Amino acid sequence: MKYVFGSIITLLLLIVVLYYTLGMWGVELPITSNDLGKIVITGFILLVTIVLLKVLLPFFFGNARRKHYDPDKGNVAKPKL
């Protein structure tokens, strides 16, 4: 999960740095600064959506097939029958 966050944030930072560096050199880009802001906002919405799905989905679907273990069987986990 941390790799997904790191890669999305790194990608957003690289896009912003690339945009301003090319603008500093006078290269015309097909996107404007408004489009760049929309890209960054979309990336953050994507991150928030990933976090919400990662946190909320186990509450709805996680307990149905979870194995329960008997703590009285010793150190090795033994599934309850």
PDB file of N, CA and C in Angstrom:
ATOM      1  N   MET A   1       0.821  -1.191   0.000  1.00  0.00           N
ATOM      2  CA  MET A   1       0.000   0.000   0.000  1.00  0.00           C
ATOM      3  C   MET A   1       0.863   1.252   0.000  1.00  0.00           C
ATOM      4  N   LYS A   2       1.980   1.194   0.752  1.00  0.00           N
ATOM      5  CA  LYS A   2       2.837   2.369   0.791  1.00  0.00           C
ATOM      6  C   LYS A   2       3.495   2.611  -0.564  1.00  0.00           C
ATOM      7  N   TYR A   3       3.697   1.560  -1.345  1.00  0.00           N
ATOM      8  CA  TYR A   3       4.275   1.745  -2.671  1.00  0.00           C
ATOM      9  C   TYR A   3       3.297   2.445  -3.608  1.00  0.00           C
ATOM     10  N   VAL A   4       2.009   2.162  -3.453  1.00  0.00           N
ATOM     11  CA  VAL A   4       0.994   2.832  -4.273  1.00  0.00           C
ATOM     12  C   VAL A   4       0.969   4.314  -3.949  1.00  0.00           C
ATOM     13  N   PHE A   5       0.949   4.640  -2.635  1.00  0.00           N
ATOM     14  CA  PHE A   5       0.960   6.047  -2.235  1.00  0.00           C
ATOM     15  C   PHE A   5       2.224   6.743  -2.724  1.00  0.00           C
ATOM     16  N   GLY A   6       3.354   6.101  -2.506  1.00  0.00           N
ATOM     17  CA  GLY A   6       4.622   6.704  -2.910  1.00  0.00           C
ATOM     18  C   GLY A   6       4.712   6.925  -4.401  1.00  0.00           C
ATOM     19  N   SER A   7       4.238   5.964  -5.180  1.00  0.00           N
ATOM     20  CA  SER A   7       4.319   6.117  -6.631  1.00  0.00           C
ATOM     21  C   SER A   7       3.370   7.193  -7.139  1.00  0.00           C
ATOM     22  N   ILE A   8       2.163   7.302  -6.564  1.00  0.00           N
ATOM     23  CA  ILE A   8       1.229   8.339  -7.011  1.00  0.00           C
ATOM     24  C   ILE A   8       1.741   9.720  -6.635  1.00  0.00           C
ATOM     25  N   ILE A   9       2.234   9.879  -5.411  1.00  0.00           N
ATOM     26  CA  ILE A   9       2.749  11.184  -4.988  1.00  0.00           C
ATOM     27  C   ILE A   9       3.991  11.550  -5.788  1.00  0.00           C
ATOM     28  N   THR A  10       4.882  10.586  -6.033  1.00  0.00           N
ATOM     29  CA  THR A  10       6.069  10.850  -6.841  1.00  0.00           C
ATOM     30  C   THR A  10       5.688  11.244  -8.257  1.00  0.00           C
ATOM     31  N   LEU A  11       4.720  10.565  -8.834  1.00  0.00           N
ATOM     32  CA  LEU A  11       4.273  10.894 -10.181  1.00  0.00           C
ATOM     33  C   LEU A  11       3.691  12.301 -10.247  1.00  0.00           C
ATOM     34  N   LEU A  12       2.889  12.682  -9.258  1.00  0.00           N
ATOM     35  CA  LEU A  12       2.327  14.034  -9.233  1.00  0.00           C
ATOM     36  C   LEU A  12       3.422  15.087  -9.104  1.00  0.00           C
ATOM     37  N   LEU A  13       4.397  14.833  -8.235  1.00  0.00           N
ATOM     38  CA  LEU A  13       5.498  15.789  -8.076  1.00  0.00           C
ATOM     39  C   LEU A  13       6.328  15.911  -9.352  1.00  0.00           C
ATOM     40  N   LEU A  14       6.584  14.787 -10.009  1.00  0.00           N
ATOM     41  CA  LEU A  14       7.345  14.836 -11.256  1.00  0.00           C
ATOM     42  C   LEU A  14       6.594  15.589 -12.351  1.00  0.00           C
ATOM     43  N   ILE A  15       5.282  15.430 -12.409  1.00  0.00           N
ATOM     44  CA  ILE A  15       4.490  16.156 -13.403  1.00  0.00           C
ATOM     45  C   ILE A  15       4.564  17.652 -13.154  1.00  0.00           C
ATOM     46  N   VAL A  16       4.449  18.059 -11.884  1.00  0.00           N
ATOM     47  CA  VAL A  16       4.497  19.487 -11.554  1.00  0.00           C
ATOM     48  C   VAL A  16       5.870  20.063 -11.865  1.00  0.00           C
ATOM     49  N   VAL A  17       6.934  19.361 -11.461  1.00  0.00           N
ATOM     50  CA  VAL A  17       8.294  19.846 -11.728  1.00  0.00           C
ATOM     51  C   VAL A  17       8.556  19.898 -13.229  1.00  0.00           C
ATOM     52  N   LEU A  18       8.133  18.899 -13.968  1.00  0.00           N
ATOM     53  CA  LEU A  18       8.314  18.886 -15.416  1.00  0.00           C
ATOM     54  C   LEU A  18       7.582  20.045 -16.077  1.00  0.00           C
ATOM     55  N   TYR A  19       6.369  20.318 -15.627  1.00  0.00           N
ATOM     56  CA  TYR A  19       5.579  21.404 -16.211  1.00  0.00           C
ATOM     57  C   TYR A  19       6.275  22.749 -16.013  1.00  0.00           C
ATOM     58  N   TYR A  20       6.698  23.027 -14.784  1.00  0.00           N
ATOM     59  CA  TYR A  20       7.315  24.325 -14.522  1.00  0.00           C
ATOM     60  C   TYR A  20       8.716  24.431 -15.112  1.00  0.00           C
ATOM     61  N   THR A  21       9.450  23.326 -15.191  1.00  0.00           N
ATOM     62  CA  THR A  21      10.775  23.360 -15.811  1.00  0.00           C
ATOM     63  C   THR A  21      10.665  23.620 -17.310  1.00  0.00           C
ATOM     64  N   LEU A  22       9.759  22.942 -17.978  1.00  0.00           N
ATOM     65  CA  LEU A  22       9.584  23.180 -19.412  1.00  0.00           C
ATOM     66  C   LEU A  22       9.033  24.575 -19.672  1.00  0.00           C
ATOM     67  N   GLY A  23       8.164  25.067 -18.794  1.00  0.00           N
ATOM     68  CA  GLY A  23       7.670  26.434 -18.929  1.00  0.00           C
ATOM     69  C   GLY A  23       8.773  27.456 -18.744  1.00  0.00           C
ATOM     70  N   MET A  24       9.715  27.178 -17.860  1.00  0.00           N
ATOM     71  CA  MET A  24      10.844  28.077 -17.635  1.00  0.00           C
ATOM     72  C   MET A  24      11.738  28.145 -18.876  1.00  0.00           C
ATOM     73  N   TRP A  25      11.858  27.051 -19.608  1.00  0.00           N
ATOM     74  CA  TRP A  25      12.665  27.025 -20.814  1.00  0.00           C
ATOM     75  C   TRP A  25      11.916  27.552 -22.033  1.00  0.00           C
ATOM     76  N   GLY A  26      10.657  27.867 -21.870  1.00  0.00           N
ATOM     77  CA  GLY A  26       9.882  28.429 -22.966  1.00  0.00           C
ATOM     78  C   GLY A  26       9.241  27.405 -23.879  1.00  0.00           C
ATOM     79  N   VAL A  27       9.149  26.179 -23.451  1.00  0.00           N
ATOM     80  CA  VAL A  27       8.533  25.131 -24.258  1.00  0.00           C
ATOM     81  C   VAL A  27       7.019  25.247 -24.105  1.00  0.00           C
ATOM     82  N   GLU A  28       6.316  25.286 -25.229  1.00  0.00           N
ATOM     83  CA  GLU A  28       4.853  25.355 -25.204  1.00  0.00           C
ATOM     84  C   GLU A  28       4.286  23.966 -24.926  1.00  0.00           C
ATOM     85  N   LEU A  29       3.426  23.896 -23.940  1.00  0.00           N
ATOM     86  CA  LEU A  29       2.802  22.631 -23.578  1.00  0.00           C
ATOM     87  C   LEU A  29       1.316  22.677 -23.910  1.00  0.00           C
ATOM     88  N   PRO A  30       0.724  21.531 -24.218  1.00  0.00           N
ATOM     89  CA  PRO A  30      -0.711  21.526 -24.541  1.00  0.00           C
ATOM     90  C   PRO A  30      -1.611  21.675 -23.317  1.00  0.00           C
ATOM     91  N   ILE A  31      -1.038  21.708 -22.117  1.00  0.00           N
ATOM     92  CA  ILE A  31      -1.850  21.884 -20.918  1.00  0.00           C
ATOM     93  C   ILE A  31      -1.512  23.218 -20.271  1.00  0.00           C
ATOM     94  N   THR A  32      -2.476  23.763 -19.542  1.00  0.00           N
ATOM     95  CA  THR A  32      -2.272  25.031 -18.848  1.00  0.00           C
ATOM     96  C   THR A  32      -2.082  24.760 -17.360  1.00  0.00           C
ATOM     97  N   SER A  33      -1.834  25.813 -16.608  1.00  0.00           N
ATOM     98  CA  SER A  33      -1.670  25.632 -15.166  1.00  0.00           C
ATOM     99  C   SER A  33      -2.987  25.215 -14.513  1.00  0.00           C
ATOM    100  N   ASN A  34      -4.115  25.617 -15.101  1.00  0.00           N
ATOM    101  CA  ASN A  34      -5.412  25.148 -14.589  1.00  0.00           C
ATOM    102  C   ASN A  34      -5.555  23.640 -14.767  1.00  0.00           C
ATOM    103  N   ASP A  35      -5.114  23.140 -15.922  1.00  0.00           N
ATOM    104  CA  ASP A  35      -5.150  21.695 -16.156  1.00  0.00           C
ATOM    105  C   ASP A  35      -4.228  20.964 -15.183  1.00  0.00           C
ATOM    106  N   LEU A  36      -3.078  21.567 -14.896  1.00  0.00           N
ATOM    107  CA  LEU A  36      -2.146  20.959 -13.955  1.00  0.00           C
ATOM    108  C   LEU A  36      -2.766  20.872 -12.560  1.00  0.00           C
ATOM    109  N   GLY A  37      -3.467  21.906 -12.157  1.00  0.00           N
ATOM    110  CA  GLY A  37      -4.159  21.879 -10.867  1.00  0.00           C
ATOM    111  C   GLY A  37      -5.216  20.795 -10.823  1.00  0.00           C
ATOM    112  N   LYS A  38      -5.922  20.609 -11.932  1.00  0.00           N
ATOM    113  CA  LYS A  38      -6.933  19.546 -11.996  1.00  0.00           C
ATOM    114  C   LYS A  38      -6.291  18.163 -11.908  1.00  0.00           C
ATOM    115  N   ILE A  39      -5.114  18.013 -12.515  1.00  0.00           N
ATOM    116  CA  ILE A  39      -4.402  16.738 -12.451  1.00  0.00           C
ATOM    117  C   ILE A  39      -4.002  16.423 -11.015  1.00  0.00           C
ATOM    118  N   VAL A  40      -3.480  17.426 -10.311  1.00  0.00           N
ATOM    119  CA  VAL A  40      -3.057  17.220  -8.922  1.00  0.00           C
ATOM    120  C   VAL A  40      -4.261  16.909  -8.032  1.00  0.00           C
ATOM    121  N   ILE A  41      -5.353  17.633  -8.212  1.00  0.00           N
ATOM    122  CA  ILE A  41      -6.562  17.376  -7.420  1.00  0.00           C
ATOM    123  C   ILE A  41      -7.098  15.973  -7.698  1.00  0.00           C
ATOM    124  N   THR A  42      -7.073  15.552  -8.959  1.00  0.00           N
ATOM    125  CA  THR A  42      -7.516  14.204  -9.312  1.00  0.00           C
ATOM    126  C   THR A  42      -6.636  13.149  -8.651  1.00  0.00           C
ATOM    127  N   GLY A  43      -5.335  13.387  -8.604  1.00  0.00           N
ATOM    128  CA  GLY A  43      -4.427  12.452  -7.939  1.00  0.00           C
ATOM    129  C   GLY A  43      -4.721  12.324  -6.456  1.00  0.00           C
ATOM    130  N   PHE A  44      -4.991  13.453  -5.800  1.00  0.00           N
ATOM    131  CA  PHE A  44      -5.314  13.397  -4.375  1.00  0.00           C
ATOM    132  C   PHE A  44      -6.673  12.742  -4.134  1.00  0.00           C
ATOM    133  N   ILE A  45      -7.630  12.965  -5.018  1.00  0.00           N
ATOM    134  CA  ILE A  45      -8.920  12.277  -4.902  1.00  0.00           C
ATOM    135  C   ILE A  45      -8.722  10.771  -5.047  1.00  0.00           C
ATOM    136  N   LEU A  46      -7.840  10.377  -5.953  1.00  0.00           N
ATOM    137  CA  LEU A  46      -7.523   8.961  -6.126  1.00  0.00           C
ATOM    138  C   LEU A  46      -6.910   8.380  -4.855  1.00  0.00           C
ATOM    139  N   LEU A  47      -5.990   9.108  -4.223  1.00  0.00           N
ATOM    140  CA  LEU A  47      -5.388   8.634  -2.977  1.00  0.00           C
ATOM    141  C   LEU A  47      -6.419   8.490  -1.863  1.00  0.00           C
ATOM    142  N   VAL A  48      -7.303   9.471  -1.730  1.00  0.00           N
ATOM    143  CA  VAL A  48      -8.336   9.412  -0.692  1.00  0.00           C
ATOM    144  C   VAL A  48      -9.283   8.245  -0.951  1.00  0.00           C
ATOM    145  N   THR A  49      -9.622   8.011  -2.213  1.00  0.00           N
ATOM    146  CA  THR A  49     -10.494   6.889  -2.561  1.00  0.00           C
ATOM    147  C   THR A  49      -9.838   5.558  -2.220  1.00  0.00           C
ATOM    148  N   ILE A  50      -8.546   5.429  -2.493  1.00  0.00           N
ATOM    149  CA  ILE A  50      -7.832   4.198  -2.164  1.00  0.00           C
ATOM    150  C   ILE A  50      -7.842   3.963  -0.661  1.00  0.00           C
ATOM    151  N   VAL A  51      -7.586   5.021   0.111  1.00  0.00           N
ATOM    152  CA  VAL A  51      -7.577   4.878   1.573  1.00  0.00           C
ATOM    153  C   VAL A  51      -8.955   4.479   2.083  1.00  0.00           C
ATOM    154  N   LEU A  52      -9.996   5.137   1.597  1.00  0.00           N
ATOM    155  CA  LEU A  52     -11.343   4.810   2.058  1.00  0.00           C
ATOM    156  C   LEU A  52     -11.726   3.378   1.706  1.00  0.00           C
ATOM    157  N   LEU A  53     -11.391   2.944   0.494  1.00  0.00           N
ATOM    158  CA  LEU A  53     -11.700   1.565   0.118  1.00  0.00           C
ATOM    159  C   LEU A  53     -10.906   0.579   0.960  1.00  0.00           C
ATOM    160  N   LYS A  54      -9.650   0.891   1.219  1.00  0.00           N
ATOM    161  CA  LYS A  54      -8.802   0.001   2.008  1.00  0.00           C
ATOM    162  C   LYS A  54      -9.287  -0.105   3.450  1.00  0.00           C
ATOM    163  N   VAL A  55      -9.846   0.980   3.974  1.00  0.00           N
ATOM    164  CA  VAL A  55     -10.309   0.983   5.362  1.00  0.00           C
ATOM    165  C   VAL A  55     -11.726   0.439   5.482  1.00  0.00           C
ATOM    166  N   LEU A  56     -12.618   0.820   4.588  1.00  0.00           N
ATOM    167  CA  LEU A  56     -14.033   0.487   4.744  1.00  0.00           C
ATOM    168  C   LEU A  56     -14.422  -0.898   4.232  1.00  0.00           C
ATOM    169  N   LEU A  57     -13.810  -1.370   3.163  1.00  0.00           N
ATOM    170  CA  LEU A  57     -14.216  -2.662   2.609  1.00  0.00           C
ATOM    171  C   LEU A  57     -14.017  -3.836   3.562  1.00  0.00           C
ATOM    172  N   PRO A  58     -12.954  -3.903   4.351  1.00  0.00           N
ATOM    173  CA  PRO A  58     -12.853  -5.029   5.293  1.00  0.00           C
ATOM    174  C   PRO A  58     -13.968  -5.062   6.334  1.00  0.00           C
ATOM    175  N   PHE A  59     -14.550  -3.909   6.672  1.00  0.00           N
ATOM    176  CA  PHE A  59     -15.653  -3.910   7.625  1.00  0.00           C
ATOM    177  C   PHE A  59     -16.896  -4.584   7.045  1.00  0.00           C
ATOM    178  N   PHE A  60     -17.081  -4.491   5.735  1.00  0.00           N
ATOM    179  CA  PHE A  60     -18.259  -5.080   5.117  1.00  0.00           C
ATOM    180  C   PHE A  60     -18.051  -6.524   4.691  1.00  0.00           C
ATOM    181  N   PHE A  61     -16.851  -6.860   4.239  1.00  0.00           N
ATOM    182  CA  PHE A  61     -16.635  -8.177   3.655  1.00  0.00           C
ATOM    183  C   PHE A  61     -15.563  -9.001   4.353  1.00  0.00           C
ATOM    184  N   GLY A  62     -14.900  -8.490   5.354  1.00  0.00           N
ATOM    185  CA  GLY A  62     -13.747  -9.174   5.933  1.00  0.00           C
ATOM    186  C   GLY A  62     -14.071 -10.290   6.902  1.00  0.00           C
ATOM    187  N   ASN A  63     -15.171 -10.223   7.639  1.00  0.00           N
ATOM    188  CA  ASN A  63     -15.423 -11.191   8.698  1.00  0.00           C
ATOM    189  C   ASN A  63     -16.106 -12.465   8.224  1.00  0.00           C
ATOM    190  N   ALA A  64     -16.587 -12.511   7.021  1.00  0.00           N
ATOM    191  CA  ALA A  64     -17.369 -13.661   6.561  1.00  0.00           C
ATOM    192  C   ALA A  64     -16.522 -14.926   6.459  1.00  0.00           C
ATOM    193  N   ARG A  65     -15.324 -14.832   5.946  1.00  0.00           N
ATOM    194  CA  ARG A  65     -14.509 -16.017   5.723  1.00  0.00           C
ATOM    195  C   ARG A  65     -13.248 -16.032   6.590  1.00  0.00           C
ATOM    196  N   ARG A  66     -13.217 -15.219   7.607  1.00  0.00           N
ATOM    197  CA  ARG A  66     -12.031 -15.155   8.460  1.00  0.00           C
ATOM    198  C   ARG A  66     -11.942 -16.419   9.311  1.00  0.00           C
ATOM    199  N   LYS A  67     -10.749 -16.987   9.386  1.00  0.00           N
ATOM    200  CA  LYS A  67     -10.542 -18.155  10.231  1.00  0.00           C
ATOM    201  C   LYS A  67     -10.387 -17.687  11.669  1.00  0.00           C
ATOM    202  N   HIS A  68     -11.063 -18.375  12.551  1.00  0.00           N
ATOM    203  CA  HIS A  68     -10.942 -18.085  13.972  1.00  0.00           C
ATOM    204  C   HIS A  68     -10.053 -19.158  14.592  1.00  0.00           C
ATOM    205  N   TYR A  69      -9.158 -18.729  15.442  1.00  0.00           N
ATOM    206  CA  TYR A  69      -8.205 -19.660  16.028  1.00  0.00           C
ATOM    207  C   TYR A  69      -8.481 -19.847  17.509  1.00  0.00           C
ATOM    208  N   ASP A  70      -8.199 -21.045  17.981  1.00  0.00           N
ATOM    209  CA  ASP A  70      -8.431 -21.398  19.379  1.00  0.00           C
ATOM    210  C   ASP A  70      -7.176 -21.056  20.186  1.00  0.00           C
ATOM    211  N   PRO A  71      -7.265 -20.090  21.113  1.00  0.00           N
ATOM    212  CA  PRO A  71      -6.070 -19.700  21.871  1.00  0.00           C
ATOM    213  C   PRO A  71      -5.669 -20.720  22.933  1.00  0.00           C
ATOM    214  N   ASP A  72      -6.504 -21.719  23.221  1.00  0.00           N
ATOM    215  CA  ASP A  72      -6.203 -22.692  24.273  1.00  0.00           C
ATOM    216  C   ASP A  72      -5.363 -23.863  23.786  1.00  0.00           C
ATOM    217  N   LYS A  73      -5.006 -23.917  22.539  1.00  0.00           N
ATOM    218  CA  LYS A  73      -4.285 -25.058  21.975  1.00  0.00           C
ATOM    219  C   LYS A  73      -2.767 -24.926  22.080  1.00  0.00           C
ATOM    220  N   GLY A  74      -2.245 -23.880  22.690  1.00  0.00           N
ATOM    221  CA  GLY A  74      -0.797 -23.741  22.816  1.00  0.00           C
ATOM    222  C   GLY A  74      -0.267 -22.614  21.943  1.00  0.00           C
ATOM    223  N   ASN A  75       1.043 -22.688  21.672  1.00  0.00           N
ATOM    224  CA  ASN A  75       1.697 -21.615  20.925  1.00  0.00           C
ATOM    225  C   ASN A  75       1.402 -21.648  19.431  1.00  0.00           C
ATOM    226  N   VAL A  76       1.189 -22.832  18.886  1.00  0.00           N
ATOM    227  CA  VAL A  76       0.916 -22.945  17.461  1.00  0.00           C
ATOM    228  C   VAL A  76      -0.570 -22.698  17.231  1.00  0.00           C
ATOM    229  N   ALA A  77      -0.886 -21.835  16.295  1.00  0.00           N
ATOM    230  CA  ALA A  77      -2.291 -21.498  16.028  1.00  0.00           C
ATOM    231  C   ALA A  77      -2.997 -22.689  15.395  1.00  0.00           C
ATOM    232  N   LYS A  78      -4.057 -23.133  16.032  1.00  0.00           N
ATOM    233  CA  LYS A  78      -4.875 -24.234  15.518  1.00  0.00           C
ATOM    234  C   LYS A  78      -6.258 -23.690  15.197  1.00  0.00           C
ATOM    235  N   PRO A  79      -6.741 -23.897  13.967  1.00  0.00           N
ATOM    236  CA  PRO A  79      -8.070 -23.387  13.627  1.00  0.00           C
ATOM    237  C   PRO A  79      -9.162 -24.091  14.421  1.00  0.00           C
ATOM    238  N   LYS A  80     -10.196 -23.334  14.767  1.00  0.00           N
ATOM    239  CA  LYS A  80     -11.363 -23.923  15.427  1.00  0.00           C
ATOM    240  C   LYS A  80     -12.148 -24.726  14.408  1.00  0.00           C
ATOM    241  N   LEU A  81     -12.675 -25.841  14.830  1.00  0.00           N
ATOM    242  CA  LEU A  81     -13.465 -26.680  13.915  1.00  0.00           C
ATOM    243  C   LEU A  81     -14.924 -26.416  14.077  1.00  0.00           C
TER     244      LEU A  81
END
